[in-house]
Amino acid sequence: MRLTMTLAALASLSSAIPARAEPITTETARAAVEKAIDELKTHNPAGVLPLVEPVVASLQDQQSEKPALCATGLTQAILLSTMQDALLKKQAKERPNDKPQSATVIDNAFCIAPFLKGFALIDLQRWDEAEPMLRLASESAPLDAQFRNEYAEWFKAMKQWQKAHDVFAEAYDLCEWESDEDVKKSNQARALRGMGFVEIEMGDLDKAEKSFKKSPKIVPDHAGAKSELQYIADLRKKGTS
């Protein structure tokens, strides 16, 4: 796993100080997220925004004082604690005169909120506004492969191929900390398909083929992987290297 990347994400959370928002409870955050998911299911992305914005503001407010992180499950919570200890030691060594900031683990609803907002903004074609939300979700839940995959998709859509590839690779690495085997496999396969797509765009068909062949070994019979492998074969027939 790329601990350097994850520690950098943890450190970045304390760099911005947004305006303070009214505090909301965990129950309120969960209820807002559930309603927002219902809005997405009914294809109403505009309805998502007013539901999640107070939750996003609350997350940002919590992070204005010290890092606030989300974890799914006990394994991730323990690992976040270990990583936080490593970060504090690193900060103490590099900046001995600074007051160290320890992170607090908060309910995952607070991190799902910016993820849903970013997702809705993409549906509304508000791409520039979506990126900070997807980044906030990914940095606030630094072990969540699904959030990292979605963030990579943003770079892919912007045709920032190398950045997209890097973030898909990060998502793949994060899957090892997922306790739900089905979720783990789904995110691994998605990350591989993302890397494969980008590798085609970057002109490396050999790497792309390996990625798309590895993906079905995790999630068999995926139509997208089969289609991309056929596309690679067609490109080779046309003489594309």
C-alpha atoms as a PDB file:
ATOM      1  CA  MET A   1       0.000   0.000   0.000  1.00  0.00           C
ATOM      2  CA  ARG A   2       1.190   3.512  -0.748  1.00  0.00           C
ATOM      3  CA  LEU A   3       1.487   4.854   2.791  1.00  0.00           C
ATOM      4  CA  THR A   4       3.306   7.952   1.574  1.00  0.00           C
ATOM      5  CA  MET A   5       0.283   8.949  -0.519  1.00  0.00           C
ATOM      6  CA  THR A   6      -2.138   8.287   2.323  1.00  0.00           C
ATOM      7  CA  LEU A   7      -0.087  10.174   4.903  1.00  0.00           C
ATOM      8  CA  ALA A   8       0.065  13.123   2.505  1.00  0.00           C
ATOM      9  CA  ALA A   9      -3.702  13.056   2.243  1.00  0.00           C
ATOM     10  CA  LEU A  10      -4.012  13.080   6.025  1.00  0.00           C
ATOM     11  CA  ALA A  11      -1.652  16.021   6.317  1.00  0.00           C
ATOM     12  CA  SER A  12      -3.517  18.032   3.683  1.00  0.00           C
ATOM     13  CA  LEU A  13      -6.729  18.014   5.691  1.00  0.00           C
ATOM     14  CA  SER A  14      -5.464  20.601   8.136  1.00  0.00           C
ATOM     15  CA  SER A  15      -4.238  23.034   5.466  1.00  0.00           C
ATOM     16  CA  ALA A  16      -7.569  24.726   4.655  1.00  0.00           C
ATOM     17  CA  ILE A  17      -9.763  26.543   7.151  1.00  0.00           C
ATOM     18  CA  PRO A  18     -13.307  26.940   5.819  1.00  0.00           C
ATOM     19  CA  ALA A  19     -16.073  29.056   7.329  1.00  0.00           C
ATOM     20  CA  ARG A  20     -17.660  27.570  10.418  1.00  0.00           C
ATOM     21  CA  ALA A  21     -20.996  25.801  10.007  1.00  0.00           C
ATOM     22  CA  GLU A  22     -23.726  24.841  12.390  1.00  0.00           C
ATOM     23  CA  PRO A  23     -22.865  21.472  13.971  1.00  0.00           C
ATOM     24  CA  ILE A  24     -25.099  18.571  13.036  1.00  0.00           C
ATOM     25  CA  THR A  25     -25.507  15.191  14.666  1.00  0.00           C
ATOM     26  CA  THR A  26     -24.460  11.850  13.259  1.00  0.00           C
ATOM     27  CA  GLU A  27     -28.123  10.856  13.004  1.00  0.00           C
ATOM     28  CA  THR A  28     -28.898  13.991  10.979  1.00  0.00           C
ATOM     29  CA  ALA A  29     -25.954  13.317   8.674  1.00  0.00           C
ATOM     30  CA  ARG A  30     -27.030   9.718   8.117  1.00  0.00           C
ATOM     31  CA  ALA A  31     -30.625  10.737   7.378  1.00  0.00           C
ATOM     32  CA  ALA A  32     -29.471  13.371   4.873  1.00  0.00           C
ATOM     33  CA  VAL A  33     -27.226  10.889   3.096  1.00  0.00           C
ATOM     34  CA  GLU A  34     -30.006   8.290   2.889  1.00  0.00           C
ATOM     35  CA  LYS A  35     -32.382  10.844   1.363  1.00  0.00           C
ATOM     36  CA  ALA A  36     -29.683  11.984  -1.060  1.00  0.00           C
ATOM     37  CA  ILE A  37     -29.138   8.408  -2.241  1.00  0.00           C
ATOM     38  CA  ASP A  38     -32.872   8.130  -2.841  1.00  0.00           C
ATOM     39  CA  GLU A  39     -32.712  11.289  -4.977  1.00  0.00           C
ATOM     40  CA  LEU A  40     -29.923   9.791  -7.080  1.00  0.00           C
ATOM     41  CA  LYS A  41     -31.917   6.589  -7.526  1.00  0.00           C
ATOM     42  CA  THR A  42     -34.806   8.641  -8.927  1.00  0.00           C
ATOM     43  CA  HIS A  43     -32.391  10.469 -11.273  1.00  0.00           C
ATOM     44  CA  ASN A  44     -32.732  13.795  -9.503  1.00  0.00           C
ATOM     45  CA  PRO A  45     -29.149  14.995  -8.888  1.00  0.00           C
ATOM     46  CA  ALA A  46     -30.332  18.553  -8.237  1.00  0.00           C
ATOM     47  CA  GLY A  47     -32.263  17.242  -5.244  1.00  0.00           C
ATOM     48  CA  VAL A  48     -29.069  15.855  -3.731  1.00  0.00           C
ATOM     49  CA  LEU A  49     -27.339  19.191  -3.250  1.00  0.00           C
ATOM     50  CA  PRO A  50     -29.506  20.863  -0.576  1.00  0.00           C
ATOM     51  CA  LEU A  51     -29.591  17.600   1.379  1.00  0.00           C
ATOM     52  CA  VAL A  52     -25.850  17.044   1.626  1.00  0.00           C
ATOM     53  CA  GLU A  53     -24.527  20.599   1.700  1.00  0.00           C
ATOM     54  CA  PRO A  54     -25.067  21.030   5.479  1.00  0.00           C
ATOM     55  CA  VAL A  55     -23.261  17.732   6.077  1.00  0.00           C
ATOM     56  CA  VAL A  56     -20.366  18.772   3.847  1.00  0.00           C
ATOM     57  CA  ALA A  57     -20.137  22.106   5.646  1.00  0.00           C
ATOM     58  CA  SER A  58     -20.094  20.309   8.991  1.00  0.00           C
ATOM     59  CA  LEU A  59     -17.266  18.030   7.809  1.00  0.00           C
ATOM     60  CA  GLN A  60     -15.242  20.999   6.624  1.00  0.00           C
ATOM     61  CA  ASP A  61     -15.884  22.775   9.906  1.00  0.00           C
ATOM     62  CA  GLN A  62     -14.670  19.780  11.917  1.00  0.00           C
ATOM     63  CA  GLN A  63     -11.545  19.651   9.783  1.00  0.00           C
ATOM     64  CA  SER A  64     -10.837  23.345  10.317  1.00  0.00           C
ATOM     65  CA  GLU A  65      -9.731  22.471  13.841  1.00  0.00           C
ATOM     66  CA  LYS A  66      -8.063  19.105  13.283  1.00  0.00           C
ATOM     67  CA  PRO A  67      -8.192  16.224  10.776  1.00  0.00           C
ATOM     68  CA  ALA A  68     -11.480  14.323  10.852  1.00  0.00           C
ATOM     69  CA  LEU A  69     -11.397  10.952   9.119  1.00  0.00           C
ATOM     70  CA  CYS A  70     -13.916   8.281   8.151  1.00  0.00           C
ATOM     71  CA  ALA A  71     -13.427   4.523   8.161  1.00  0.00           C
ATOM     72  CA  THR A  72     -15.619   1.626   7.146  1.00  0.00           C
ATOM     73  CA  GLY A  73     -15.184  -1.100   9.724  1.00  0.00           C
ATOM     74  CA  LEU A  74     -12.869  -1.812  12.622  1.00  0.00           C
ATOM     75  CA  THR A  75      -9.882  -2.804  10.466  1.00  0.00           C
ATOM     76  CA  GLN A  76      -9.787   0.559   8.739  1.00  0.00           C
ATOM     77  CA  ALA A  77     -10.307   2.420  12.020  1.00  0.00           C
ATOM     78  CA  ILE A  78      -7.329   0.644  13.609  1.00  0.00           C
ATOM     79  CA  LEU A  79      -5.162   1.274  10.561  1.00  0.00           C
ATOM     80  CA  LEU A  80      -6.115   4.961  10.497  1.00  0.00           C
ATOM     81  CA  SER A  81      -5.064   5.227  14.123  1.00  0.00           C
ATOM     82  CA  THR A  82      -1.720   3.595  13.341  1.00  0.00           C
ATOM     83  CA  MET A  83      -1.182   5.852  10.351  1.00  0.00           C
ATOM     84  CA  GLN A  84      -2.074   8.898  12.411  1.00  0.00           C
ATOM     85  CA  ASP A  85       0.575   7.947  14.974  1.00  0.00           C
ATOM     86  CA  ALA A  86       3.107   7.700  12.154  1.00  0.00           C
ATOM     87  CA  LEU A  87       2.059  11.092  10.816  1.00  0.00           C
ATOM     88  CA  LEU A  88       2.384  12.736  14.225  1.00  0.00           C
ATOM     89  CA  LYS A  89       5.892  11.325  14.633  1.00  0.00           C
ATOM     90  CA  LYS A  90       6.790  12.570  11.152  1.00  0.00           C
ATOM     91  CA  GLN A  91       5.437  16.044  11.906  1.00  0.00           C
ATOM     92  CA  ALA A  92       7.244  16.174  15.244  1.00  0.00           C
ATOM     93  CA  LYS A  93      10.523  15.330  13.524  1.00  0.00           C
ATOM     94  CA  GLU A  94      10.111  17.712  10.609  1.00  0.00           C
ATOM     95  CA  ARG A  95       8.428  20.583  12.488  1.00  0.00           C
ATOM     96  CA  PRO A  96       9.390  20.260  16.183  1.00  0.00           C
ATOM     97  CA  ASN A  97       8.065  23.735  17.046  1.00  0.00           C
ATOM     98  CA  ASP A  98       4.560  23.041  15.700  1.00  0.00           C
ATOM     99  CA  LYS A  99       1.764  21.745  17.873  1.00  0.00           C
ATOM    100  CA  PRO A 100       0.865  18.239  16.637  1.00  0.00           C
ATOM    101  CA  GLN A 101      -2.723  17.619  15.551  1.00  0.00           C
ATOM    102  CA  SER A 102      -4.258  14.229  16.203  1.00  0.00           C
ATOM    103  CA  ALA A 103      -7.136  13.117  14.004  1.00  0.00           C
ATOM    104  CA  THR A 104     -10.556  12.022  15.145  1.00  0.00           C
ATOM    105  CA  VAL A 105     -12.559   9.246  13.465  1.00  0.00           C
ATOM    106  CA  ILE A 106     -16.093  10.339  12.593  1.00  0.00           C
ATOM    107  CA  ASP A 107     -19.131   8.605  11.141  1.00  0.00           C
ATOM    108  CA  ASN A 108     -18.803   7.629   7.498  1.00  0.00           C
ATOM    109  CA  ALA A 109     -21.934   9.620   6.576  1.00  0.00           C
ATOM    110  CA  PHE A 110     -19.895  12.814   6.814  1.00  0.00           C
ATOM    111  CA  CYS A 111     -17.552  11.552   4.082  1.00  0.00           C
ATOM    112  CA  ILE A 112     -20.291  10.031   1.932  1.00  0.00           C
ATOM    113  CA  ALA A 113     -21.902  13.482   1.728  1.00  0.00           C
ATOM    114  CA  PRO A 114     -19.163  15.162  -0.395  1.00  0.00           C
ATOM    115  CA  PHE A 115     -18.904  11.996  -2.465  1.00  0.00           C
ATOM    116  CA  LEU A 116     -22.622  12.187  -3.283  1.00  0.00           C
ATOM    117  CA  LYS A 117     -22.388  15.913  -3.933  1.00  0.00           C
ATOM    118  CA  GLY A 118     -19.524  15.377  -6.366  1.00  0.00           C
ATOM    119  CA  PHE A 119     -21.414  12.565  -8.071  1.00  0.00           C
ATOM    120  CA  ALA A 120     -24.508  14.773  -8.421  1.00  0.00           C
ATOM    121  CA  LEU A 121     -22.497  17.705  -9.755  1.00  0.00           C
ATOM    122  CA  ILE A 122     -21.061  15.472 -12.472  1.00  0.00           C
ATOM    123  CA  ASP A 123     -24.588  14.435 -13.456  1.00  0.00           C
ATOM    124  CA  LEU A 124     -25.403  18.143 -13.660  1.00  0.00           C
ATOM    125  CA  GLN A 125     -22.324  18.681 -15.878  1.00  0.00           C
ATOM    126  CA  ARG A 126     -20.747  20.952 -13.251  1.00  0.00           C
ATOM    127  CA  TRP A 127     -17.380  19.276 -13.565  1.00  0.00           C
ATOM    128  CA  ASP A 128     -15.189  21.980 -12.026  1.00  0.00           C
ATOM    129  CA  GLU A 129     -17.322  22.054  -8.876  1.00  0.00           C
ATOM    130  CA  ALA A 130     -17.308  18.268  -8.616  1.00  0.00           C
ATOM    131  CA  GLU A 131     -13.536  17.870  -8.294  1.00  0.00           C
ATOM    132  CA  PRO A 132     -13.130  19.521  -4.859  1.00  0.00           C
ATOM    133  CA  MET A 133     -15.973  17.412  -3.486  1.00  0.00           C
ATOM    134  CA  LEU A 134     -14.558  14.132  -4.778  1.00  0.00           C
ATOM    135  CA  ARG A 135     -11.151  15.144  -3.449  1.00  0.00           C
ATOM    136  CA  LEU A 136     -12.617  15.996  -0.048  1.00  0.00           C
ATOM    137  CA  ALA A 137     -14.355  12.615   0.159  1.00  0.00           C
ATOM    138  CA  SER A 138     -11.216  10.764  -0.895  1.00  0.00           C
ATOM    139  CA  GLU A 139      -8.921  12.602   1.499  1.00  0.00           C
ATOM    140  CA  SER A 140     -11.371  12.395   4.404  1.00  0.00           C
ATOM    141  CA  ALA A 141     -11.765   8.636   3.944  1.00  0.00           C
ATOM    142  CA  PRO A 142      -8.185   7.824   2.897  1.00  0.00           C
ATOM    143  CA  LEU A 143      -8.714   4.052   2.909  1.00  0.00           C
ATOM    144  CA  ASP A 144     -11.902   4.048   0.815  1.00  0.00           C
ATOM    145  CA  ALA A 145     -11.206   2.516  -2.598  1.00  0.00           C
ATOM    146  CA  GLN A 146     -14.622   3.416  -3.997  1.00  0.00           C
ATOM    147  CA  PHE A 147     -14.095   7.117  -3.323  1.00  0.00           C
ATOM    148  CA  ARG A 148     -10.615   6.924  -4.839  1.00  0.00           C
ATOM    149  CA  ASN A 149     -11.952   5.157  -7.949  1.00  0.00           C
ATOM    150  CA  GLU A 150     -14.567   7.849  -8.440  1.00  0.00           C
ATOM    151  CA  TYR A 151     -11.944  10.551  -8.044  1.00  0.00           C
ATOM    152  CA  ALA A 152      -9.842   8.795 -10.695  1.00  0.00           C
ATOM    153  CA  GLU A 153     -12.859   8.786 -13.014  1.00  0.00           C
ATOM    154  CA  TRP A 154     -12.920  12.580 -12.808  1.00  0.00           C
ATOM    155  CA  PHE A 155      -9.335  12.801 -14.071  1.00  0.00           C
ATOM    156  CA  LYS A 156     -10.153  10.260 -16.770  1.00  0.00           C
ATOM    157  CA  ALA A 157     -13.068  12.382 -17.943  1.00  0.00           C
ATOM    158  CA  MET A 158     -10.743  15.413 -18.034  1.00  0.00           C
ATOM    159  CA  LYS A 159      -8.276  13.361 -20.119  1.00  0.00           C
ATOM    160  CA  GLN A 160      -5.571  13.830 -17.512  1.00  0.00           C
ATOM    161  CA  TRP A 161      -4.320  10.357 -18.275  1.00  0.00           C
ATOM    162  CA  GLN A 162      -1.289  10.022 -16.010  1.00  0.00           C
ATOM    163  CA  LYS A 163      -3.064  11.470 -12.997  1.00  0.00           C
ATOM    164  CA  ALA A 164      -6.063   9.217 -13.631  1.00  0.00           C
ATOM    165  CA  HIS A 165      -3.781   6.184 -13.842  1.00  0.00           C
ATOM    166  CA  ASP A 166      -2.018   7.089 -10.608  1.00  0.00           C
ATOM    167  CA  VAL A 167      -5.282   7.498  -8.706  1.00  0.00           C
ATOM    168  CA  PHE A 168      -6.749   4.262 -10.106  1.00  0.00           C
ATOM    169  CA  ALA A 169      -3.565   2.513  -8.952  1.00  0.00           C
ATOM    170  CA  GLU A 170      -4.026   4.026  -5.487  1.00  0.00           C
ATOM    171  CA  ALA A 171      -7.619   2.740  -5.419  1.00  0.00           C
ATOM    172  CA  TYR A 172      -6.431  -0.750  -6.331  1.00  0.00           C
ATOM    173  CA  ASP A 173      -3.881  -0.717  -3.494  1.00  0.00           C
ATOM    174  CA  LEU A 174      -6.480   0.455  -0.986  1.00  0.00           C
ATOM    175  CA  CYS A 175      -8.681  -2.560  -1.660  1.00  0.00           C
ATOM    176  CA  GLU A 176      -6.501  -4.709   0.589  1.00  0.00           C
ATOM    177  CA  TRP A 177      -8.021  -2.916   3.595  1.00  0.00           C
ATOM    178  CA  GLU A 178     -11.613  -3.719   2.610  1.00  0.00           C
ATOM    179  CA  SER A 179     -13.150  -6.408   4.817  1.00  0.00           C
ATOM    180  CA  ASP A 180     -16.160  -7.071   2.561  1.00  0.00           C
ATOM    181  CA  GLU A 181     -14.863  -9.471  -0.085  1.00  0.00           C
ATOM    182  CA  ASP A 182     -17.481  -8.582  -2.708  1.00  0.00           C
ATOM    183  CA  VAL A 183     -16.838  -4.858  -2.325  1.00  0.00           C
ATOM    184  CA  LYS A 184     -13.103  -5.504  -2.450  1.00  0.00           C
ATOM    185  CA  LYS A 185     -13.343  -7.444  -5.705  1.00  0.00           C
ATOM    186  CA  SER A 186     -15.672  -4.906  -7.284  1.00  0.00           C
ATOM    187  CA  ASN A 187     -13.327  -2.021  -6.526  1.00  0.00           C
ATOM    188  CA  GLN A 188     -10.233  -3.949  -7.588  1.00  0.00           C
ATOM    189  CA  ALA A 189     -11.763  -4.882 -10.925  1.00  0.00           C
ATOM    190  CA  ARG A 190     -12.998  -1.347 -11.489  1.00  0.00           C
ATOM    191  CA  ALA A 191      -9.557   0.107 -10.773  1.00  0.00           C
ATOM    192  CA  LEU A 192      -7.959  -2.323 -13.219  1.00  0.00           C
ATOM    193  CA  ARG A 193     -10.483  -1.434 -15.929  1.00  0.00           C
ATOM    194  CA  GLY A 194      -9.778   2.235 -15.278  1.00  0.00           C
ATOM    195  CA  MET A 195      -6.040   1.692 -15.583  1.00  0.00           C
ATOM    196  CA  GLY A 196      -6.553  -0.351 -18.725  1.00  0.00           C
ATOM    197  CA  PHE A 197      -8.660   2.363 -20.361  1.00  0.00           C
ATOM    198  CA  VAL A 198      -6.053   4.987 -19.555  1.00  0.00           C
ATOM    199  CA  GLU A 199      -3.221   2.752 -20.780  1.00  0.00           C
ATOM    200  CA  ILE A 200      -4.953   2.505 -24.150  1.00  0.00           C
ATOM    201  CA  GLU A 201      -5.194   6.282 -24.308  1.00  0.00           C
ATOM    202  CA  MET A 202      -1.512   6.537 -23.369  1.00  0.00           C
ATOM    203  CA  GLY A 203      -0.632   4.171 -26.208  1.00  0.00           C
ATOM    204  CA  ASP A 204       0.530   1.185 -24.155  1.00  0.00           C
ATOM    205  CA  LEU A 205      -1.604  -1.668 -25.453  1.00  0.00           C
ATOM    206  CA  ASP A 206       0.503  -4.347 -23.769  1.00  0.00           C
ATOM    207  CA  LYS A 207      -0.122  -2.902 -20.311  1.00  0.00           C
ATOM    208  CA  ALA A 208      -3.767  -2.289 -21.142  1.00  0.00           C
ATOM    209  CA  GLU A 209      -4.234  -5.886 -22.207  1.00  0.00           C
ATOM    210  CA  LYS A 210      -2.720  -7.126 -18.946  1.00  0.00           C
ATOM    211  CA  SER A 211      -5.048  -4.894 -16.935  1.00  0.00           C
ATOM    212  CA  PHE A 212      -8.149  -6.018 -18.806  1.00  0.00           C
ATOM    213  CA  LYS A 213      -7.148  -9.676 -18.562  1.00  0.00           C
ATOM    214  CA  LYS A 214      -6.513  -9.370 -14.827  1.00  0.00           C
ATOM    215  CA  SER A 215      -9.869  -7.708 -14.158  1.00  0.00           C
ATOM    216  CA  PRO A 216     -12.077 -10.703 -15.202  1.00  0.00           C
ATOM    217  CA  LYS A 217     -10.052 -12.968 -12.931  1.00  0.00           C
ATOM    218  CA  ILE A 218     -11.461 -10.913 -10.060  1.00  0.00           C
ATOM    219  CA  VAL A 219     -14.953 -10.225 -11.439  1.00  0.00           C
ATOM    220  CA  PRO A 220     -15.673 -12.735 -14.238  1.00  0.00           C
ATOM    221  CA  ASP A 221     -17.689 -12.082 -17.380  1.00  0.00           C
ATOM    222  CA  HIS A 222     -17.631  -8.298 -17.190  1.00  0.00           C
ATOM    223  CA  ALA A 223     -18.943  -6.985 -20.515  1.00  0.00           C
ATOM    224  CA  GLY A 224     -16.781  -3.853 -20.381  1.00  0.00           C
ATOM    225  CA  ALA A 225     -13.551  -5.809 -19.939  1.00  0.00           C
ATOM    226  CA  LYS A 226     -14.450  -8.137 -22.821  1.00  0.00           C
ATOM    227  CA  SER A 227     -15.287  -5.191 -25.053  1.00  0.00           C
ATOM    228  CA  GLU A 228     -12.000  -3.436 -24.304  1.00  0.00           C
ATOM    229  CA  LEU A 229      -9.987  -6.584 -24.987  1.00  0.00           C
ATOM    230  CA  GLN A 230     -11.700  -6.857 -28.356  1.00  0.00           C
ATOM    231  CA  TYR A 231     -10.976  -3.185 -28.995  1.00  0.00           C
ATOM    232  CA  ILE A 232      -7.274  -3.787 -28.268  1.00  0.00           C
ATOM    233  CA  ALA A 233      -7.274  -6.734 -30.680  1.00  0.00           C
ATOM    234  CA  ASP A 234      -8.887  -4.568 -33.365  1.00  0.00           C
ATOM    235  CA  LEU A 235      -6.304  -1.848 -32.845  1.00  0.00           C
ATOM    236  CA  ARG A 236      -3.531  -4.368 -33.279  1.00  0.00           C
ATOM    237  CA  LYS A 237      -5.083  -5.608 -36.512  1.00  0.00           C
ATOM    238  CA  LYS A 238      -5.004  -2.032 -37.761  1.00  0.00           C
ATOM    239  CA  GLY A 239      -1.321  -1.863 -36.921  1.00  0.00           C
ATOM    240  CA  THR A 240      -1.596   0.270 -33.793  1.00  0.00           C
ATOM    241  CA  SER A 241       1.294  -0.444 -31.450  1.00  0.00           C
END
